[in-house]
Amino acid sequence: MKVSLVIPTYNNLRHIKNTYNSVRKYYKDIEMVIINDGSTDNTSEWLEALEDNNVIKINSKERKGHTFFYDEGMRQATNEIVGIMHSDMIIGPNYIE
């Protein structure tokens, strides 16, 4: 099943790292669209340094809000099935299924 997860984040670096790691723990190849919504807490640097070919990175310099970036993330996703996650969520096994 080809699924994309759209995950906007704002000044939530510690949690977005945990979200990313929990997705990768159970889904090695799932596409994530991670969107930095103008954070000032080094989220931009973390996202740019992230070496994962299955992550679409959007690094906004200005804050536009998560609802704006849910829409943008859905436009950028390459799969037909798109899910939305908050940047402080931790998933478990069978989350996608």
PDB file of N, CA and C in Angstrom:
ATOM      1  N   MET A   1       0.852  -1.172   0.000  1.00  0.00           N
ATOM      2  CA  MET A   1       0.000   0.000   0.000  1.00  0.00           C
ATOM      3  C   MET A   1       0.899   1.237   0.000  1.00  0.00           C
ATOM      4  N   LYS A   2       0.694   2.115  -0.951  1.00  0.00           N
ATOM      5  CA  LYS A   2       1.484   3.344  -1.058  1.00  0.00           C
ATOM      6  C   LYS A   2       0.757   4.466  -0.327  1.00  0.00           C
ATOM      7  N   VAL A   3       1.382   4.946   0.741  1.00  0.00           N
ATOM      8  CA  VAL A   3       0.785   5.966   1.603  1.00  0.00           C
ATOM      9  C   VAL A   3       1.811   7.068   1.836  1.00  0.00           C
ATOM     10  N   SER A   4       1.320   8.291   1.907  1.00  0.00           N
ATOM     11  CA  SER A   4       2.143   9.429   2.313  1.00  0.00           C
ATOM     12  C   SER A   4       1.591   9.983   3.613  1.00  0.00           C
ATOM     13  N   LEU A   5       2.470  10.425   4.493  1.00  0.00           N
ATOM     14  CA  LEU A   5       2.068  11.075   5.737  1.00  0.00           C
ATOM     15  C   LEU A   5       2.527  12.522   5.697  1.00  0.00           C
ATOM     16  N   VAL A   6       1.600  13.436   5.919  1.00  0.00           N
ATOM     17  CA  VAL A   6       1.897  14.868   5.946  1.00  0.00           C
ATOM     18  C   VAL A   6       2.036  15.280   7.405  1.00  0.00           C
ATOM     19  N   ILE A   7       3.191  15.883   7.744  1.00  0.00           N
ATOM     20  CA  ILE A   7       3.489  16.213   9.134  1.00  0.00           C
ATOM     21  C   ILE A   7       4.054  17.630   9.233  1.00  0.00           C
ATOM     22  N   PRO A   8       3.204  18.622   9.465  1.00  0.00           N
ATOM     23  CA  PRO A   8       3.725  19.970   9.706  1.00  0.00           C
ATOM     24  C   PRO A   8       4.214  20.106  11.150  1.00  0.00           C
ATOM     25  N   THR A   9       5.188  20.977  11.354  1.00  0.00           N
ATOM     26  CA  THR A   9       5.701  21.179  12.704  1.00  0.00           C
ATOM     27  C   THR A   9       6.109  22.630  12.910  1.00  0.00           C
ATOM     28  N   TYR A  10       5.934  23.096  14.131  1.00  0.00           N
ATOM     29  CA  TYR A  10       6.343  24.450  14.494  1.00  0.00           C
ATOM     30  C   TYR A  10       6.966  24.431  15.888  1.00  0.00           C
ATOM     31  N   ASN A  11       8.257  24.744  15.969  1.00  0.00           N
ATOM     32  CA  ASN A  11       8.992  24.787  17.241  1.00  0.00           C
ATOM     33  C   ASN A  11       8.737  23.546  18.101  1.00  0.00           C
ATOM     34  N   ASN A  12       8.853  22.407  17.464  1.00  0.00           N
ATOM     35  CA  ASN A  12       8.564  21.134  18.121  1.00  0.00           C
ATOM     36  C   ASN A  12       9.666  20.122  17.812  1.00  0.00           C
ATOM     37  N   LEU A  13      10.903  20.583  17.773  1.00  0.00           N
ATOM     38  CA  LEU A  13      12.014  19.751  17.312  1.00  0.00           C
ATOM     39  C   LEU A  13      12.108  18.417  18.045  1.00  0.00           C
ATOM     40  N   ARG A  14      12.052  18.441  19.354  1.00  0.00           N
ATOM     41  CA  ARG A  14      12.180  17.194  20.123  1.00  0.00           C
ATOM     42  C   ARG A  14      11.094  16.199  19.723  1.00  0.00           C
ATOM     43  N   HIS A  15       9.889  16.701  19.548  1.00  0.00           N
ATOM     44  CA  HIS A  15       8.773  15.805  19.235  1.00  0.00           C
ATOM     45  C   HIS A  15       8.783  15.340  17.781  1.00  0.00           C
ATOM     46  N   ILE A  16       9.142  16.214  16.846  1.00  0.00           N
ATOM     47  CA  ILE A  16       9.167  15.791  15.443  1.00  0.00           C
ATOM     48  C   ILE A  16      10.219  14.704  15.229  1.00  0.00           C
ATOM     49  N   LYS A  17      11.302  14.767  15.956  1.00  0.00           N
ATOM     50  CA  LYS A  17      12.298  13.691  15.878  1.00  0.00           C
ATOM     51  C   LYS A  17      11.686  12.371  16.348  1.00  0.00           C
ATOM     52  N   ASN A  18      10.946  12.407  17.442  1.00  0.00           N
ATOM     53  CA  ASN A  18      10.292  11.199  17.955  1.00  0.00           C
ATOM     54  C   ASN A  18       9.237  10.689  16.981  1.00  0.00           C
ATOM     55  N   THR A  19       8.490  11.605  16.374  1.00  0.00           N
ATOM     56  CA  THR A  19       7.484  11.211  15.386  1.00  0.00           C
ATOM     57  C   THR A  19       8.160  10.527  14.208  1.00  0.00           C
ATOM     58  N   TYR A  20       9.179  11.153  13.667  1.00  0.00           N
ATOM     59  CA  TYR A  20       9.918  10.590  12.544  1.00  0.00           C
ATOM     60  C   TYR A  20      10.444   9.191  12.893  1.00  0.00           C
ATOM     61  N   ASN A  21      11.087   9.056  14.052  1.00  0.00           N
ATOM     62  CA  ASN A  21      11.658   7.769  14.449  1.00  0.00           C
ATOM     63  C   ASN A  21      10.593   6.702  14.644  1.00  0.00           C
ATOM     64  N   SER A  22       9.433   7.071  15.159  1.00  0.00           N
ATOM     65  CA  SER A  22       8.380   6.071  15.363  1.00  0.00           C
ATOM     66  C   SER A  22       7.819   5.600  14.021  1.00  0.00           C
ATOM     67  N   VAL A  23       7.699   6.496  13.058  1.00  0.00           N
ATOM     68  CA  VAL A  23       7.242   6.080  11.729  1.00  0.00           C
ATOM     69  C   VAL A  23       8.267   5.150  11.102  1.00  0.00           C
ATOM     70  N   ARG A  24       9.535   5.527  11.157  1.00  0.00           N
ATOM     71  CA  ARG A  24      10.577   4.700  10.547  1.00  0.00           C
ATOM     72  C   ARG A  24      10.750   3.348  11.251  1.00  0.00           C
ATOM     73  N   LYS A  25      10.442   3.271  12.501  1.00  0.00           N
ATOM     74  CA  LYS A  25      10.552   2.002  13.234  1.00  0.00           C
ATOM     75  C   LYS A  25       9.657   0.933  12.612  1.00  0.00           C
ATOM     76  N   TYR A  26       8.454   1.321  12.194  1.00  0.00           N
ATOM     77  CA  TYR A  26       7.487   0.358  11.673  1.00  0.00           C
ATOM     78  C   TYR A  26       7.313   0.404  10.162  1.00  0.00           C
ATOM     79  N   TYR A  27       7.683   1.519   9.552  1.00  0.00           N
ATOM     80  CA  TYR A  27       7.487   1.698   8.108  1.00  0.00           C
ATOM     81  C   TYR A  27       8.755   2.295   7.505  1.00  0.00           C
ATOM     82  N   LYS A  28       9.641   1.431   7.050  1.00  0.00           N
ATOM     83  CA  LYS A  28      10.956   1.866   6.570  1.00  0.00           C
ATOM     84  C   LYS A  28      10.883   2.713   5.302  1.00  0.00           C
ATOM     85  N   ASP A  29       9.879   2.470   4.466  1.00  0.00           N
ATOM     86  CA  ASP A  29       9.855   3.109   3.151  1.00  0.00           C
ATOM     87  C   ASP A  29       8.679   4.058   2.932  1.00  0.00           C
ATOM     88  N   ILE A  30       7.874   4.285   3.924  1.00  0.00           N
ATOM     89  CA  ILE A  30       6.713   5.156   3.723  1.00  0.00           C
ATOM     90  C   ILE A  30       7.158   6.595   3.445  1.00  0.00           C
ATOM     91  N   GLU A  31       6.429   7.263   2.579  1.00  0.00           N
ATOM     92  CA  GLU A  31       6.753   8.650   2.266  1.00  0.00           C
ATOM     93  C   GLU A  31       6.216   9.568   3.367  1.00  0.00           C
ATOM     94  N   MET A  32       7.082  10.476   3.814  1.00  0.00           N
ATOM     95  CA  MET A  32       6.665  11.513   4.755  1.00  0.00           C
ATOM     96  C   MET A  32       6.908  12.868   4.113  1.00  0.00           C
ATOM     97  N   VAL A  33       5.941  13.738   4.259  1.00  0.00           N
ATOM     98  CA  VAL A  33       6.105  15.134   3.851  1.00  0.00           C
ATOM     99  C   VAL A  33       6.212  15.909   5.158  1.00  0.00           C
ATOM    100  N   ILE A  34       7.437  16.281   5.521  1.00  0.00           N
ATOM    101  CA  ILE A  34       7.664  16.992   6.780  1.00  0.00           C
ATOM    102  C   ILE A  34       7.828  18.470   6.462  1.00  0.00           C
ATOM    103  N   ILE A  35       7.030  19.275   7.137  1.00  0.00           N
ATOM    104  CA  ILE A  35       6.967  20.699   6.827  1.00  0.00           C
ATOM    105  C   ILE A  35       7.324  21.517   8.057  1.00  0.00           C
ATOM    106  N   ASN A  36       8.379  22.294   7.926  1.00  0.00           N
ATOM    107  CA  ASN A  36       8.762  23.227   8.980  1.00  0.00           C
ATOM    108  C   ASN A  36       7.999  24.531   8.755  1.00  0.00           C
ATOM    109  N   ASP A  37       7.161  24.877   9.701  1.00  0.00           N
ATOM    110  CA  ASP A  37       6.281  26.050   9.605  1.00  0.00           C
ATOM    111  C   ASP A  37       6.930  27.280  10.240  1.00  0.00           C
ATOM    112  N   GLY A  38       8.148  27.616   9.791  1.00  0.00           N
ATOM    113  CA  GLY A  38       8.824  28.814  10.277  1.00  0.00           C
ATOM    114  C   GLY A  38       9.383  28.701  11.679  1.00  0.00           C
ATOM    115  N   SER A  39       9.758  27.506  12.086  1.00  0.00           N
ATOM    116  CA  SER A  39      10.285  27.286  13.437  1.00  0.00           C
ATOM    117  C   SER A  39      11.571  28.064  13.688  1.00  0.00           C
ATOM    118  N   THR A  40      11.816  28.350  14.961  1.00  0.00           N
ATOM    119  CA  THR A  40      13.044  29.044  15.375  1.00  0.00           C
ATOM    120  C   THR A  40      13.885  28.189  16.317  1.00  0.00           C
ATOM    121  N   ASP A  41      13.608  26.890  16.378  1.00  0.00           N
ATOM    122  CA  ASP A  41      14.258  25.995  17.341  1.00  0.00           C
ATOM    123  C   ASP A  41      15.190  24.967  16.697  1.00  0.00           C
ATOM    124  N   ASN A  42      15.769  25.281  15.555  1.00  0.00           N
ATOM    125  CA  ASN A  42      16.682  24.390  14.829  1.00  0.00           C
ATOM    126  C   ASN A  42      15.975  23.267  14.070  1.00  0.00           C
ATOM    127  N   THR A  43      14.660  23.322  13.964  1.00  0.00           N
ATOM    128  CA  THR A  43      13.944  22.343  13.152  1.00  0.00           C
ATOM    129  C   THR A  43      14.425  22.403  11.710  1.00  0.00           C
ATOM    130  N   SER A  44      14.646  23.603  11.205  1.00  0.00           N
ATOM    131  CA  SER A  44      15.099  23.778   9.822  1.00  0.00           C
ATOM    132  C   SER A  44      16.418  23.049   9.583  1.00  0.00           C
ATOM    133  N   GLU A  45      17.357  23.204  10.479  1.00  0.00           N
ATOM    134  CA  GLU A  45      18.664  22.561  10.334  1.00  0.00           C
ATOM    135  C   GLU A  45      18.543  21.036  10.408  1.00  0.00           C
ATOM    136  N   TRP A  46      17.723  20.559  11.338  1.00  0.00           N
ATOM    137  CA  TRP A  46      17.515  19.111  11.462  1.00  0.00           C
ATOM    138  C   TRP A  46      16.910  18.551  10.181  1.00  0.00           C
ATOM    139  N   LEU A  47      15.890  19.230   9.674  1.00  0.00           N
ATOM    140  CA  LEU A  47      15.207  18.752   8.477  1.00  0.00           C
ATOM    141  C   LEU A  47      16.147  18.735   7.273  1.00  0.00           C
ATOM    142  N   GLU A  48      16.933  19.784   7.108  1.00  0.00           N
ATOM    143  CA  GLU A  48      17.867  19.833   5.982  1.00  0.00           C
ATOM    144  C   GLU A  48      18.943  18.756   6.090  1.00  0.00           C
ATOM    145  N   ALA A  49      19.350  18.420   7.293  1.00  0.00           N
ATOM    146  CA  ALA A  49      20.392  17.409   7.492  1.00  0.00           C
ATOM    147  C   ALA A  49      19.851  15.978   7.406  1.00  0.00           C
ATOM    148  N   LEU A  50      18.546  15.829   7.454  1.00  0.00           N
ATOM    149  CA  LEU A  50      17.930  14.500   7.436  1.00  0.00           C
ATOM    150  C   LEU A  50      18.205  13.812   6.100  1.00  0.00           C
ATOM    151  N   GLU A  51      18.844  12.666   6.166  1.00  0.00           N
ATOM    152  CA  GLU A  51      19.171  11.909   4.970  1.00  0.00           C
ATOM    153  C   GLU A  51      18.196  10.759   4.826  1.00  0.00           C
ATOM    154  N   ASP A  52      17.114  11.005   4.121  1.00  0.00           N
ATOM    155  CA  ASP A  52      16.063  10.022   3.924  1.00  0.00           C
ATOM    156  C   ASP A  52      15.398  10.343   2.593  1.00  0.00           C
ATOM    157  N   ASN A  53      15.589   9.481   1.616  1.00  0.00           N
ATOM    158  CA  ASN A  53      15.037   9.717   0.287  1.00  0.00           C
ATOM    159  C   ASN A  53      13.519   9.638   0.241  1.00  0.00           C
ATOM    160  N   ASN A  54      12.903   9.138   1.280  1.00  0.00           N
ATOM    161  CA  ASN A  54      11.454   9.037   1.331  1.00  0.00           C
ATOM    162  C   ASN A  54      10.825  10.152   2.157  1.00  0.00           C
ATOM    163  N   VAL A  55      11.551  11.239   2.326  1.00  0.00           N
ATOM    164  CA  VAL A  55      11.015  12.421   3.008  1.00  0.00           C
ATOM    165  C   VAL A  55      11.039  13.582   2.035  1.00  0.00           C
ATOM    166  N   ILE A  56       9.882  14.167   1.834  1.00  0.00           N
ATOM    167  CA  ILE A  56       9.774  15.417   1.089  1.00  0.00           C
ATOM    168  C   ILE A  56       9.863  16.517   2.130  1.00  0.00           C
ATOM    169  N   LYS A  57      10.810  17.426   1.951  1.00  0.00           N
ATOM    170  CA  LYS A  57      11.081  18.474   2.938  1.00  0.00           C
ATOM    171  C   LYS A  57      10.548  19.813   2.450  1.00  0.00           C
ATOM    172  N   ILE A  58       9.814  20.476   3.313  1.00  0.00           N
ATOM    173  CA  ILE A  58       9.362  21.838   3.040  1.00  0.00           C
ATOM    174  C   ILE A  58       9.813  22.679   4.221  1.00  0.00           C
ATOM    175  N   ASN A  59      10.623  23.666   3.952  1.00  0.00           N
ATOM    176  CA  ASN A  59      11.192  24.509   4.999  1.00  0.00           C
ATOM    177  C   ASN A  59      10.719  25.946   4.779  1.00  0.00           C
ATOM    178  N   SER A  60       9.631  26.312   5.411  1.00  0.00           N
ATOM    179  CA  SER A  60       9.090  27.658   5.253  1.00  0.00           C
ATOM    180  C   SER A  60       9.816  28.633   6.177  1.00  0.00           C
ATOM    181  N   LYS A  61      10.135  29.788   5.668  1.00  0.00           N
ATOM    182  CA  LYS A  61      10.769  30.828   6.483  1.00  0.00           C
ATOM    183  C   LYS A  61       9.741  31.584   7.313  1.00  0.00           C
ATOM    184  N   GLU A  62       8.481  31.582   6.858  1.00  0.00           N
ATOM    185  CA  GLU A  62       7.444  32.295   7.598  1.00  0.00           C
ATOM    186  C   GLU A  62       6.370  31.326   8.078  1.00  0.00           C
ATOM    187  N   ARG A  63       5.785  31.667   9.209  1.00  0.00           N
ATOM    188  CA  ARG A  63       4.731  30.845   9.809  1.00  0.00           C
ATOM    189  C   ARG A  63       3.425  31.076   9.064  1.00  0.00           C
ATOM    190  N   LYS A  64       2.819  29.966   8.618  1.00  0.00           N
ATOM    191  CA  LYS A  64       1.551  30.047   7.898  1.00  0.00           C
ATOM    192  C   LYS A  64       0.452  29.236   8.570  1.00  0.00           C
ATOM    193  N   GLY A  65       0.821  28.373   9.507  1.00  0.00           N
ATOM    194  CA  GLY A  65      -0.169  27.580  10.227  1.00  0.00           C
ATOM    195  C   GLY A  65      -0.306  26.175   9.665  1.00  0.00           C
ATOM    196  N   HIS A  66      -0.647  25.250  10.553  1.00  0.00           N
ATOM    197  CA  HIS A  66      -0.680  23.839  10.154  1.00  0.00           C
ATOM    198  C   HIS A  66      -1.755  23.541   9.114  1.00  0.00           C
ATOM    199  N   THR A  67      -2.898  24.225   9.151  1.00  0.00           N
ATOM    200  CA  THR A  67      -3.929  23.919   8.159  1.00  0.00           C
ATOM    201  C   THR A  67      -3.475  24.303   6.747  1.00  0.00           C
ATOM    202  N   PHE A  68      -2.753  25.415   6.616  1.00  0.00           N
ATOM    203  CA  PHE A  68      -2.183  25.785   5.322  1.00  0.00           C
ATOM    204  C   PHE A  68      -1.242  24.681   4.841  1.00  0.00           C
ATOM    205  N   PHE A  69      -0.409  24.178   5.736  1.00  0.00           N
ATOM    206  CA  PHE A  69       0.584  23.195   5.334  1.00  0.00           C
ATOM    207  C   PHE A  69       0.016  21.782   5.196  1.00  0.00           C
ATOM    208  N   TYR A  70      -1.124  21.480   5.809  1.00  0.00           N
ATOM    209  CA  TYR A  70      -1.787  20.210   5.487  1.00  0.00           C
ATOM    210  C   TYR A  70      -2.124  20.200   3.999  1.00  0.00           C
ATOM    211  N   ASP A  71      -2.696  21.304   3.520  1.00  0.00           N
ATOM    212  CA  ASP A  71      -3.049  21.399   2.102  1.00  0.00           C
ATOM    213  C   ASP A  71      -1.813  21.324   1.209  1.00  0.00           C
ATOM    214  N   GLU A  72      -0.770  22.077   1.558  1.00  0.00           N
ATOM    215  CA  GLU A  72       0.454  22.066   0.757  1.00  0.00           C
ATOM    216  C   GLU A  72       1.102  20.683   0.769  1.00  0.00           C
ATOM    217  N   GLY A  73       1.128  20.041   1.922  1.00  0.00           N
ATOM    218  CA  GLY A  73       1.692  18.698   2.018  1.00  0.00           C
ATOM    219  C   GLY A  73       0.939  17.702   1.162  1.00  0.00           C
ATOM    220  N   MET A  74      -0.384  17.837   1.108  1.00  0.00           N
ATOM    221  CA  MET A  74      -1.174  16.939   0.261  1.00  0.00           C
ATOM    222  C   MET A  74      -0.869  17.168  -1.220  1.00  0.00           C
ATOM    223  N   ARG A  75      -0.602  18.404  -1.586  1.00  0.00           N
ATOM    224  CA  ARG A  75      -0.225  18.695  -2.974  1.00  0.00           C
ATOM    225  C   ARG A  75       1.149  18.105  -3.313  1.00  0.00           C
ATOM    226  N   GLN A  76       2.048  18.081  -2.352  1.00  0.00           N
ATOM    227  CA  GLN A  76       3.410  17.601  -2.590  1.00  0.00           C
ATOM    228  C   GLN A  76       3.522  16.074  -2.509  1.00  0.00           C
ATOM    229  N   ALA A  77       2.614  15.436  -1.805  1.00  0.00           N
ATOM    230  CA  ALA A  77       2.647  13.982  -1.640  1.00  0.00           C
ATOM    231  C   ALA A  77       2.539  13.293  -3.000  1.00  0.00           C
ATOM    232  N   THR A  78       3.238  12.197  -3.162  1.00  0.00           N
ATOM    233  CA  THR A  78       3.236  11.512  -4.454  1.00  0.00           C
ATOM    234  C   THR A  78       2.343  10.273  -4.472  1.00  0.00           C
ATOM    235  N   ASN A  79       1.736   9.931  -3.359  1.00  0.00           N
ATOM    236  CA  ASN A  79       0.886   8.754  -3.299  1.00  0.00           C
ATOM    237  C   ASN A  79      -0.586   9.140  -3.256  1.00  0.00           C
ATOM    238  N   GLU A  80      -1.430   8.205  -3.656  1.00  0.00           N
ATOM    239  CA  GLU A  80      -2.865   8.462  -3.721  1.00  0.00           C
ATOM    240  C   GLU A  80      -3.509   8.528  -2.339  1.00  0.00           C
ATOM    241  N   ILE A  81      -2.986   7.766  -1.409  1.00  0.00           N
ATOM    242  CA  ILE A  81      -3.507   7.761  -0.037  1.00  0.00           C
ATOM    243  C   ILE A  81      -2.619   8.659   0.808  1.00  0.00           C
ATOM    244  N   VAL A  82      -3.224   9.663   1.440  1.00  0.00           N
ATOM    245  CA  VAL A  82      -2.474  10.627   2.244  1.00  0.00           C
ATOM    246  C   VAL A  82      -3.093  10.706   3.626  1.00  0.00           C
ATOM    247  N   GLY A  83      -2.249  10.578   4.638  1.00  0.00           N
ATOM    248  CA  GLY A  83      -2.677  10.732   6.026  1.00  0.00           C
ATOM    249  C   GLY A  83      -2.032  11.958   6.630  1.00  0.00           C
ATOM    250  N   ILE A  84      -2.674  12.485   7.644  1.00  0.00           N
ATOM    251  CA  ILE A  84      -2.165  13.659   8.341  1.00  0.00           C
ATOM    252  C   ILE A  84      -1.765  13.245   9.752  1.00  0.00           C
ATOM    253  N   MET A  85      -0.609  13.705  10.166  1.00  0.00           N
ATOM    254  CA  MET A  85      -0.156  13.461  11.534  1.00  0.00           C
ATOM    255  C   MET A  85       0.220  14.782  12.175  1.00  0.00           C
ATOM    256  N   HIS A  86       0.112  14.828  13.481  1.00  0.00           N
ATOM    257  CA  HIS A  86       0.628  15.956  14.241  1.00  0.00           C
ATOM    258  C   HIS A  86       2.093  15.669  14.554  1.00  0.00           C
ATOM    259  N   SER A  87       2.867  16.702  14.764  1.00  0.00           N
ATOM    260  CA  SER A  87       4.306  16.530  14.949  1.00  0.00           C
ATOM    261  C   SER A  87       4.687  16.058  16.344  1.00  0.00           C
ATOM    262  N   ASP A  88       3.703  15.770  17.183  1.00  0.00           N
ATOM    263  CA  ASP A  88       4.014  15.211  18.504  1.00  0.00           C
ATOM    264  C   ASP A  88       3.381  13.838  18.683  1.00  0.00           C
ATOM    265  N   MET A  89       3.036  13.181  17.576  1.00  0.00           N
ATOM    266  CA  MET A  89       2.446  11.843  17.633  1.00  0.00           C
ATOM    267  C   MET A  89       3.530  10.776  17.585  1.00  0.00           C
ATOM    268  N   ILE A  90       3.281   9.704  18.295  1.00  0.00           N
ATOM    269  CA  ILE A  90       4.125   8.513  18.244  1.00  0.00           C
ATOM    270  C   ILE A  90       3.214   7.385  17.783  1.00  0.00           C
ATOM    271  N   ILE A  91       3.603   6.687  16.725  1.00  0.00           N
ATOM    272  CA  ILE A  91       2.758   5.601  16.225  1.00  0.00           C
ATOM    273  C   ILE A  91       3.281   4.262  16.699  1.00  0.00           C
ATOM    274  N   GLY A  92       2.424   3.277  16.611  1.00  0.00           N
ATOM    275  CA  GLY A  92       2.775   1.912  16.953  1.00  0.00           C
ATOM    276  C   GLY A  92       2.612   1.017  15.736  1.00  0.00           C
ATOM    277  N   PRO A  93       2.808  -0.279  15.936  1.00  0.00           N
ATOM    278  CA  PRO A  93       2.660  -1.216  14.817  1.00  0.00           C
ATOM    279  C   PRO A  93       1.224  -1.188  14.288  1.00  0.00           C
ATOM    280  N   ASN A  94       1.088  -1.411  13.000  1.00  0.00           N
ATOM    281  CA  ASN A  94      -0.207  -1.495  12.326  1.00  0.00           C
ATOM    282  C   ASN A  94      -0.965  -0.167  12.267  1.00  0.00           C
ATOM    283  N   TYR A  95      -0.301   0.942  12.487  1.00  0.00           N
ATOM    284  CA  TYR A  95      -0.953   2.247  12.428  1.00  0.00           C
ATOM    285  C   TYR A  95      -1.551   2.497  11.046  1.00  0.00           C
ATOM    286  N   ILE A  96      -0.789   2.228  10.018  1.00  0.00           N
ATOM    287  CA  ILE A  96      -1.246   2.456   8.645  1.00  0.00           C
ATOM    288  C   ILE A  96      -2.329   1.462   8.256  1.00  0.00           C
ATOM    289  N   GLU A  97      -2.136   0.225   8.608  1.00  0.00           N
ATOM    290  CA  GLU A  97      -3.109  -0.791   8.234  1.00  0.00           C
ATOM    291  C   GLU A  97      -4.458  -0.498   8.855  1.00  0.00           C
TER     292      GLU A  97
END
